[in-house]
Amino acid sequence: MDEPNETTSEVKEYADGWILERKGTDVPMFLKFAFIVIGGGAITYFMIYMNGETTHDERGPLVRAFNTTTGDANWLMYGVAGLALIYVVSLIVFVFRAFHED
């Protein structure tokens, strides 16, 4: 009644068995494109809200007054967005390169 499970030899375990994957499988294509969308969204968010939410009806005047008092940190946000862009580009290169089994 106990048949040996032949598929267990084709399964790789990570994190002491918490994550299982079949050998020879690649990341699904939709997940590869999700990296692009999520990374692009993060960089866009940095650029749009660089100085806070100044266009909001209630908080906008307070944010604009705060920005006037303290000055802007555009150079810092451009640096953060640049680092994020470098990370996203390197992630995309890593994700879309040819798959090979370790």
Protein backbone atom coordinates (compact mmCIF):
# COMPACT_ATOMS: atom_id res chain seq x y z
CA MET A 1 0.00 0.00 0.00
CA ASP A 2 2.91 2.34 0.62
CA GLU A 3 4.27 3.32 -2.76
CA PRO A 4 7.49 5.26 -2.92
CA ASN A 5 6.87 8.82 -3.96
CA GLU A 6 9.11 9.39 -6.98
CA THR A 7 8.38 13.11 -7.16
CA THR A 8 10.08 13.80 -3.83
CA SER A 9 13.47 13.41 -5.49
CA GLU A 10 12.47 16.13 -7.95
CA VAL A 11 11.58 18.63 -5.22
CA LYS A 12 14.04 21.10 -3.72
CA GLU A 13 13.48 22.26 -0.16
CA TYR A 14 14.37 25.66 1.24
CA ALA A 15 14.06 26.96 4.80
CA ASP A 16 13.91 23.48 6.35
CA GLY A 17 11.00 22.40 4.16
CA TRP A 18 8.85 25.54 4.45
CA ILE A 19 9.39 26.33 0.77
CA LEU A 20 9.24 23.60 -1.86
CA GLU A 21 9.87 23.84 -5.58
CA ARG A 22 10.33 21.41 -8.40
CA LYS A 23 13.75 21.17 -9.91
CA GLY A 24 14.10 22.79 -13.31
CA THR A 25 11.22 25.25 -12.93
CA ASP A 26 11.61 28.91 -13.77
CA VAL A 27 9.86 31.91 -12.25
CA PRO A 28 6.46 32.50 -13.93
CA MET A 29 6.42 35.29 -16.52
CA PHE A 30 3.73 37.30 -14.71
CA LEU A 31 5.95 37.43 -11.64
CA LYS A 32 8.88 38.67 -13.70
CA PHE A 33 6.73 41.54 -15.01
CA ALA A 34 5.45 42.19 -11.48
CA PHE A 35 9.02 43.16 -10.52
CA ILE A 36 8.96 45.81 -13.25
CA VAL A 37 5.56 47.18 -12.21
CA ILE A 38 6.34 47.27 -8.49
CA GLY A 39 9.79 48.82 -8.99
CA GLY A 40 8.46 51.39 -11.43
CA GLY A 41 5.63 52.24 -9.05
CA ALA A 42 8.06 52.79 -6.18
CA ILE A 43 10.27 55.09 -8.23
CA THR A 44 7.22 57.00 -9.50
CA TYR A 45 5.98 57.38 -5.93
CA PHE A 46 9.34 58.85 -4.87
CA MET A 47 9.25 61.37 -7.68
CA ILE A 48 5.58 62.42 -7.30
CA TYR A 49 5.63 62.82 -3.51
CA MET A 50 9.17 64.16 -3.32
CA ASN A 51 8.09 67.17 -1.23
CA GLY A 52 5.03 65.62 0.40
CA GLU A 53 1.39 65.62 -0.54
CA THR A 54 1.10 69.32 -1.35
CA THR A 55 -2.08 69.03 -3.42
CA HIS A 56 -4.27 67.51 -0.68
CA ASP A 57 -7.20 69.72 0.38
CA GLU A 58 -6.66 69.46 4.13
CA ARG A 59 -2.99 68.58 4.59
CA GLY A 60 -1.66 70.44 1.56
CA PRO A 61 -1.36 73.89 3.16
CA LEU A 62 0.40 72.42 6.20
CA VAL A 63 2.85 70.49 4.01
CA ARG A 64 3.56 73.58 1.90
CA ALA A 65 4.15 75.67 5.06
CA PHE A 66 6.47 72.98 6.43
CA ASN A 67 8.38 72.86 3.13
CA THR A 68 8.72 76.66 3.13
CA THR A 69 10.04 76.66 6.69
CA THR A 70 12.46 73.76 6.42
CA GLY A 71 13.46 73.95 2.76
CA ASP A 72 13.44 71.08 0.33
CA ALA A 73 15.57 67.98 0.14
CA ASN A 74 15.21 67.34 -3.57
CA TRP A 75 18.85 66.26 -3.87
CA LEU A 76 18.25 63.55 -1.28
CA MET A 77 15.10 62.28 -2.96
CA TYR A 78 16.77 62.28 -6.38
CA GLY A 79 19.56 60.23 -4.80
CA VAL A 80 17.08 57.77 -3.27
CA ALA A 81 15.21 57.49 -6.58
CA GLY A 82 18.54 56.96 -8.38
CA LEU A 83 19.50 54.16 -6.00
CA ALA A 84 16.06 52.62 -6.45
CA LEU A 85 16.45 52.83 -10.23
CA ILE A 86 19.85 51.11 -10.08
CA TYR A 87 18.35 48.37 -7.91
CA VAL A 88 15.31 47.87 -10.17
CA VAL A 89 17.45 47.72 -13.32
CA SER A 90 19.82 45.19 -11.77
CA LEU A 91 16.84 43.16 -10.50
CA ILE A 92 15.27 43.12 -13.96
CA VAL A 93 18.56 42.03 -15.56
CA PHE A 94 18.83 39.24 -12.97
CA VAL A 95 15.22 38.11 -13.42
CA PHE A 96 15.22 38.05 -17.23
CA ARG A 97 18.58 36.35 -17.74
CA ALA A 98 18.75 32.72 -18.82
CA PHE A 99 17.61 30.20 -16.22
CA HIS A 100 20.08 27.60 -15.00
CA GLU A 101 19.74 24.97 -12.30
CA ASP A 102 22.26 25.12 -9.44
